[in-house]
Protein backbone atom coordinates (compact mmCIF):
# COMPACT_ATOMS: atom_id res chain seq x y z
CA UNK A 1 0.00 0.00 0.00
CA UNK A 2 1.26 3.47 -0.85
CA UNK A 3 1.72 5.02 2.58
CA UNK A 4 1.20 8.50 1.18
CA UNK A 5 -2.28 7.58 0.03
CA UNK A 6 -3.53 5.60 3.02
CA UNK A 7 -7.09 6.54 3.86
CA UNK A 8 -9.30 6.28 6.91
CA UNK A 9 -11.17 3.52 5.09
CA UNK A 10 -7.93 1.56 4.71
CA UNK A 11 -7.18 1.84 8.44
CA UNK A 12 -10.71 0.72 9.27
CA UNK A 13 -10.45 -2.35 7.07
CA UNK A 14 -7.01 -3.28 8.41
CA UNK A 15 -8.12 -3.05 12.05
CA UNK A 16 -11.64 -4.38 11.49
CA UNK A 17 -13.22 -1.19 12.77
CA UNK A 18 -15.90 1.08 11.36
CA UNK A 19 -14.89 4.17 9.42
CA UNK A 20 -16.63 6.39 11.98
CA UNK A 21 -14.71 4.77 14.86
CA UNK A 22 -11.39 5.33 13.11
CA UNK A 23 -12.32 8.92 12.30
CA UNK A 24 -13.25 9.61 15.93
CA UNK A 25 -10.04 7.98 17.18
CA UNK A 26 -7.91 10.09 14.85
CA UNK A 27 -9.66 13.24 16.02
CA UNK A 28 -9.43 12.46 19.72
CA UNK A 29 -13.15 11.93 20.35
CA UNK A 30 -14.17 11.34 23.97
CA UNK A 31 -16.48 8.39 23.31
CA UNK A 32 -13.79 6.08 21.97
CA UNK A 33 -11.84 3.87 24.38
CA UNK A 34 -8.23 4.64 25.11
CA UNK A 35 -7.17 1.21 23.80
CA UNK A 36 -8.91 1.77 20.44
CA UNK A 37 -7.42 5.26 20.11
CA UNK A 38 -3.93 3.94 20.76
CA UNK A 39 -4.37 1.10 18.26
CA UNK A 40 -5.62 3.42 15.51
CA UNK A 41 -3.02 6.12 16.14
CA UNK A 42 -0.18 3.61 16.20
CA UNK A 43 -1.30 2.04 12.91
CA UNK A 44 -1.86 5.43 11.28
CA UNK A 45 1.54 6.73 12.27
CA UNK A 46 3.31 3.52 11.28
CA UNK A 47 1.71 3.56 7.85
CA UNK A 48 2.20 7.23 7.16
CA UNK A 49 -1.37 8.48 7.43
CA UNK A 50 -1.51 12.24 6.96
CA UNK A 51 -4.37 14.53 7.84
CA UNK A 52 -5.54 17.27 5.48
CA UNK A 53 -3.22 19.77 7.13
CA UNK A 54 -0.25 17.51 6.21
CA UNK A 55 0.59 16.74 9.84
CA UNK A 56 0.50 13.37 11.49
CA UNK A 57 -2.40 13.03 13.88
CA UNK A 58 -1.20 13.12 17.48
CA UNK A 59 -3.14 12.33 20.62
CA UNK A 60 -4.07 15.50 22.46
CA UNK A 61 -4.35 15.33 26.24
CA UNK A 62 -7.51 17.02 27.47
CA UNK A 63 -7.38 19.03 30.67
CA UNK A 64 -10.10 19.00 33.32
CA UNK A 65 -10.29 21.13 36.41
CA UNK A 66 -11.50 20.03 39.83
CA UNK A 67 -12.59 23.12 41.76
CA UNK A 68 -13.66 23.20 45.38
CA UNK A 69 -14.98 25.81 47.76
CA UNK A 70 -15.61 26.18 51.51
CA UNK A 71 -12.73 23.89 52.48
CA UNK A 72 -10.30 24.93 55.18
CA UNK A 73 -8.10 23.29 57.79
CA UNK A 74 -11.11 22.33 59.92
CA UNK A 75 -13.06 20.66 57.10
CA UNK A 76 -10.35 19.01 55.00
CA UNK A 77 -11.43 15.46 55.84
CA UNK A 78 -15.06 15.93 54.82
CA UNK A 79 -16.61 14.10 51.89
CA UNK A 80 -15.66 16.73 49.28
CA UNK A 81 -12.03 15.61 49.21
CA UNK A 82 -12.59 11.86 48.63
CA UNK A 83 -15.34 12.52 46.05
CA UNK A 84 -13.04 14.90 44.15
CA UNK A 85 -10.23 12.33 44.27
CA UNK A 86 -12.56 9.62 42.98
CA UNK A 87 -13.63 11.80 40.05
CA UNK A 88 -10.00 12.63 39.29
CA UNK A 89 -9.00 8.95 39.28
CA UNK A 90 -11.68 8.04 36.74
CA UNK A 91 -10.67 10.99 34.57
CA UNK A 92 -6.98 10.07 34.62
CA UNK A 93 -7.81 6.49 33.75
CA UNK A 94 -9.49 7.87 30.63
CA UNK A 95 -6.46 9.88 29.55
CA UNK A 96 -7.44 13.28 30.94
CA UNK A 97 -5.07 15.58 32.75
CA UNK A 98 -6.50 16.77 36.08
CA UNK A 99 -5.69 19.97 37.95
CA UNK A 100 -7.23 20.55 41.39
CA UNK A 101 -7.49 24.05 42.80
CA UNK A 102 -9.60 26.11 45.23
CA UNK A 103 -12.07 28.57 43.74
CA UNK A 104 -10.53 31.31 45.88
CA UNK A 105 -7.33 31.14 43.81
CA UNK A 106 -8.98 31.72 40.40
CA UNK A 107 -8.55 35.50 40.35
CA UNK A 108 -10.92 36.00 37.38
CA UNK A 109 -14.29 34.94 36.06
CA UNK A 110 -15.06 31.24 35.68
CA UNK A 111 -15.05 31.17 31.86
CA UNK A 112 -11.91 33.32 31.71
CA UNK A 113 -10.19 30.92 34.10
CA UNK A 114 -11.24 27.90 32.05
CA UNK A 115 -10.08 29.47 28.77
CA UNK A 116 -6.76 30.75 30.13
CA UNK A 117 -5.82 27.30 31.46
CA UNK A 118 -7.10 25.34 28.45
CA UNK A 119 -9.61 23.33 30.48
CA UNK A 120 -12.34 21.59 28.50
CA UNK A 121 -14.59 20.97 31.51
CA UNK A 122 -14.76 21.00 35.29
CA UNK A 123 -16.03 19.18 38.35
CA UNK A 124 -17.00 21.51 41.21
CA UNK A 125 -17.68 20.58 44.84
CA UNK A 126 -18.43 22.59 47.96
CA UNK A 127 -20.42 25.45 46.41
CA UNK A 128 -23.01 27.22 48.52
CA UNK A 129 -25.34 30.09 47.69
CA UNK A 130 -22.65 32.61 48.66
CA UNK A 131 -19.84 31.16 46.50
CA UNK A 132 -18.24 33.77 44.25
CA UNK A 133 -18.91 31.94 40.97
CA UNK A 134 -22.44 30.73 41.70
CA UNK A 135 -24.04 33.06 39.13
CA UNK A 136 -21.27 32.80 36.56
CA UNK A 137 -21.55 29.06 36.07
CA UNK A 138 -25.28 29.29 35.28
CA UNK A 139 -24.30 30.82 31.92
CA UNK A 140 -20.97 29.08 31.38
CA UNK A 141 -20.00 27.76 27.96
CA UNK A 142 -17.89 24.99 29.53
CA UNK A 143 -19.29 21.56 30.47
CA UNK A 144 -19.48 21.58 34.26
CA UNK A 145 -20.56 18.96 36.78
CA UNK A 146 -21.63 20.09 40.26
CA UNK A 147 -21.57 17.85 43.30
CA UNK A 148 -24.43 18.29 45.79
CA UNK A 149 -25.98 21.32 44.16
CA UNK A 150 -28.96 22.00 41.93
CA UNK A 151 -28.05 24.94 39.71
CA UNK A 152 -29.54 24.91 36.23
CA UNK A 153 -27.71 25.84 33.04
CA UNK A 154 -27.21 24.67 29.46
CA UNK A 155 -23.75 23.31 30.23
CA UNK A 156 -24.41 22.02 33.74
CA UNK A 157 -24.99 18.53 35.13
CA UNK A 158 -25.46 17.80 38.81
CA UNK A 159 -24.94 14.76 41.00
CA UNK A 160 -25.92 14.31 44.62
CA UNK A 161 -26.95 11.72 47.14
CA UNK A 162 -30.63 11.39 48.11
CA UNK A 163 -30.28 13.91 50.92
CA UNK A 164 -33.94 14.30 51.81
CA UNK A 165 -34.85 10.61 51.83
CA UNK A 166 -31.65 9.67 53.67
CA UNK A 167 -32.57 11.88 56.62
CA UNK A 168 -36.16 10.63 56.52
CA UNK A 169 -34.74 7.11 56.92
CA UNK A 170 -32.60 8.29 59.85
CA UNK A 171 -35.72 9.73 61.52
CA UNK A 172 -37.47 6.39 60.89
CA UNK A 173 -34.60 4.56 62.60
CA UNK A 174 -34.63 6.82 65.64
CA UNK A 175 -38.40 6.65 65.89
CA UNK A 176 -38.23 2.84 65.85
CA UNK A 177 -35.84 3.07 68.82
CA UNK A 178 -38.42 5.06 70.78
CA UNK A 179 -37.07 8.58 70.21
CA UNK A 180 -39.70 11.31 70.05
CA UNK A 181 -37.59 14.38 70.88
CA UNK A 182 -35.08 14.52 68.05
CA UNK A 183 -32.65 17.39 67.47
CA UNK A 184 -30.89 18.46 64.28
CA UNK A 185 -27.59 20.21 63.54
CA UNK A 186 -27.71 22.26 60.33
CA UNK A 187 -24.39 22.29 58.47
CA UNK A 188 -24.69 25.57 56.57
CA UNK A 189 -27.78 27.75 56.10
CA UNK A 190 -26.48 28.80 52.67
CA UNK A 191 -25.88 25.26 51.44
CA UNK A 192 -28.23 23.42 49.08
CA UNK A 193 -27.47 20.03 50.63
CA UNK A 194 -27.88 21.32 54.18
CA UNK A 195 -31.31 22.64 53.36
CA UNK A 196 -32.24 19.35 51.69
CA UNK A 197 -31.17 17.43 54.79
CA UNK A 198 -33.07 19.83 57.01
CA UNK A 199 -36.13 19.28 54.80
CA UNK A 200 -35.71 15.54 55.34
CA UNK A 201 -35.70 16.15 59.09
CA UNK A 202 -38.98 18.10 58.88
CA UNK A 203 -40.61 15.56 56.57
CA UNK A 204 -39.47 12.63 58.71
CA UNK A 205 -41.02 14.19 61.80
CA UNK A 206 -44.24 14.95 59.98
CA UNK A 207 -44.51 11.33 58.85
CA UNK A 208 -44.43 10.24 62.49
CA UNK A 209 -46.63 13.08 63.77
CA UNK A 210 -43.78 14.61 65.76
CA UNK A 211 -44.20 18.31 66.43
CA UNK A 212 -41.44 20.54 65.09
CA UNK A 213 -39.58 22.35 67.86
CA UNK A 214 -37.21 25.16 66.76
CA UNK A 215 -35.37 24.79 70.07
CA UNK A 216 -34.18 21.39 68.88
CA UNK A 217 -32.34 22.85 65.86
CA UNK A 218 -28.75 24.13 66.01
CA UNK A 219 -27.34 26.14 63.10
CA UNK A 220 -23.65 25.41 62.68
CA UNK A 221 -21.19 24.64 59.92
CA UNK A 222 -19.49 21.60 58.44
CA UNK A 223 -16.75 21.17 61.01
CA UNK A 224 -15.95 19.11 64.07
CA UNK A 225 -15.67 22.31 66.11
CA UNK A 226 -19.24 23.23 65.21
CA UNK A 227 -20.46 19.89 66.54
CA UNK A 228 -18.40 20.33 69.68
CA UNK A 229 -19.94 23.76 70.28
CA UNK A 230 -23.41 22.26 69.81
CA UNK A 231 -22.69 19.91 72.71
CA UNK A 232 -23.46 22.67 75.21
CA UNK A 233 -26.64 23.59 73.32
CA UNK A 234 -28.07 20.06 73.45
CA UNK A 235 -26.76 19.34 76.95
CA UNK A 236 -29.30 21.85 78.19
CA UNK A 237 -32.21 20.40 76.21
CA UNK A 238 -34.46 17.38 76.65
CA UNK A 239 -33.67 15.75 73.28
CA UNK A 240 -32.93 12.02 73.29
CA UNK A 241 -31.32 11.97 69.83
CA UNK A 242 -29.54 14.39 67.49
CA UNK A 243 -29.23 14.09 63.70
CA UNK A 244 -26.07 15.74 62.39
CA UNK A 245 -25.58 16.99 58.82
CA UNK A 246 -22.15 15.35 58.58
CA UNK A 247 -19.89 12.85 60.30
CA UNK A 248 -17.47 15.60 61.34
CA UNK A 249 -20.25 17.47 63.10
CA UNK A 250 -21.40 14.24 64.81
CA UNK A 251 -17.89 13.40 66.03
CA UNK A 252 -17.52 16.89 67.48
CA UNK A 253 -20.93 16.65 69.13
CA UNK A 254 -20.10 13.34 70.81
CA UNK A 255 -16.94 14.88 72.22
CA UNK A 256 -18.80 17.97 73.40
CA UNK A 257 -21.54 15.91 75.08
CA UNK A 258 -19.00 13.68 76.76
CA UNK A 259 -17.31 16.72 78.33
CA UNK A 260 -20.72 17.74 79.71
CA UNK A 261 -21.10 14.33 81.33
CA UNK A 262 -23.66 13.12 78.80
CA UNK A 263 -23.24 9.57 77.51
CA UNK A 264 -23.71 8.60 73.86
CA UNK A 265 -25.89 6.66 73.21
CA UNK A 266 -27.19 6.01 76.76
CA UNK A 267 -28.37 9.59 77.25
CA UNK A 268 -28.46 10.94 73.69
CA UNK A 269 -28.20 9.01 70.42
CA UNK A 270 -26.18 10.67 67.65
CA UNK A 271 -26.16 10.11 63.88
CA UNK A 272 -23.91 11.47 61.13
CA UNK A 273 -23.88 11.69 57.36
CA UNK A 274 -21.19 10.55 54.85
CA UNK A 275 -19.68 7.40 56.44
CA UNK A 276 -16.13 8.72 56.38
CA UNK A 277 -13.49 6.14 57.30
CA UNK A 278 -13.20 7.62 60.79
CA UNK A 279 -16.89 6.91 61.50
CA UNK A 280 -16.26 3.26 62.26
CA UNK A 281 -13.29 3.94 64.52
CA UNK A 282 -14.60 6.63 66.87
CA UNK A 283 -15.99 5.53 70.23
CA UNK A 284 -18.84 4.86 70.08
CA UNK A 285 -18.78 3.98 66.38
CA UNK A 286 -21.07 6.27 64.42
CA UNK A 287 -24.47 5.46 62.93
CA UNK A 288 -24.53 7.35 59.65
CA UNK A 289 -25.62 7.67 56.03
CA UNK A 290 -23.16 6.04 53.65
CA UNK A 291 -22.19 7.88 50.49
CA UNK A 292 -20.77 5.57 47.81
CA UNK A 293 -17.70 7.66 46.93
CA UNK A 294 -16.50 5.53 44.01
CA UNK A 295 -19.96 5.42 42.45
CA UNK A 296 -20.37 9.18 42.76
CA UNK A 297 -16.94 9.82 41.24
CA UNK A 298 -17.58 7.49 38.31
CA UNK A 299 -21.05 8.86 37.57
CA UNK A 300 -19.80 12.45 37.85
CA UNK A 301 -17.05 11.73 35.32
CA UNK A 302 -19.53 10.09 32.94
CA UNK A 303 -21.83 13.10 33.21
CA UNK A 304 -18.97 15.36 32.16
CA UNK A 305 -17.94 12.98 29.38
CA UNK A 306 -21.49 13.03 28.02
CA UNK A 307 -21.52 16.81 27.84
CA UNK A 308 -18.12 16.82 26.17
CA UNK A 309 -19.69 14.72 23.41
CA UNK A 310 -22.47 17.30 23.01
CA UNK A 311 -25.12 15.55 25.06
CA UNK A 312 -27.47 17.47 27.32
CA UNK A 313 -26.80 18.03 31.00
CA UNK A 314 -28.50 15.75 33.52
CA UNK A 315 -29.31 15.57 37.22
CA UNK A 316 -28.45 12.30 38.94
CA UNK A 317 -29.38 11.34 42.48
CA UNK A 318 -27.39 8.44 43.96
CA UNK A 319 -29.05 6.12 46.46
CA UNK A 320 -27.71 5.78 49.99
CA UNK A 321 -27.56 3.23 52.79
CA UNK A 322 -28.02 3.66 56.53
CA UNK A 323 -25.10 2.19 58.49
CA UNK A 324 -26.21 1.37 62.04
CA UNK A 325 -23.44 1.35 64.63
CA UNK A 326 -23.10 1.99 68.36
CA UNK A 327 -23.93 5.70 68.62
CA UNK A 328 -27.68 4.98 68.54
CA UNK A 329 -29.73 2.98 71.04
CA UNK A 330 -33.25 2.57 72.37
CA UNK A 331 -34.59 5.26 74.63
CA UNK A 332 -34.33 4.34 78.30
CA UNK A 333 -37.59 3.35 79.93
């Protein structure tokens, strides 16, 4: 075969692939496997295939950005970090370059930042209603996946756990253990997921005809210190159980209650949310809502991949499991 005249059709026939598959592989399409791309590119280069611009086709590495907000020294071990790492791992395994950076370091508008750094898309975690780019991303031209948020836009997909139903199931569990005076620690009044979890608390109580008591609600933040501070608040109440918006909050609360001479779960049952690794090792081990980190990371990457191949944005809600451990118990007679 005359190497100077090799065509896409010739490559397809030699490798037993369709012409469209070969064309996509040569042009770096996102919906072709890495193995197929490598096979096509190797054969094309070996046999002297030349594109119309007279240059050999080379594989271009796409860059994705993982952005995060509302993370500081006191919240670094919350679920945002492992979810972001899971997304990044799936992206790297599919031949994408990943750069992780805090939103606070951008120094310009979202689209300007994406263009300047040659990013083709982004995964964003930790946004709340006060985040600096919240309005910019609604009109972004870059495919963007948001974790635990519900912003709408032409280039936006969202993924979250079933926050409302998860808390409803926690209320069900506590109710089955005899608890009727159930408190709640709000993680962040400006957070979409916090408000969803608070809604689950209200709905769960309504299902069981439990009267809402504003004195049973503590407004904090997603940190262990916030939970610790709430210990004094609940030590002076008559609650028999407290639902926390995160594992970090729950761990801090258990420590704060212990220092007030209140036993968990003998005096007050405590539940968390996330099932971080530490949840099974604290004493008592923590009853919590399990987020499937690997599943979330994989689905988030696939959402972004779909938009990069010109598909519409989607909203995905991932199911959760309740992990019952030693921080919850029946109410004392």
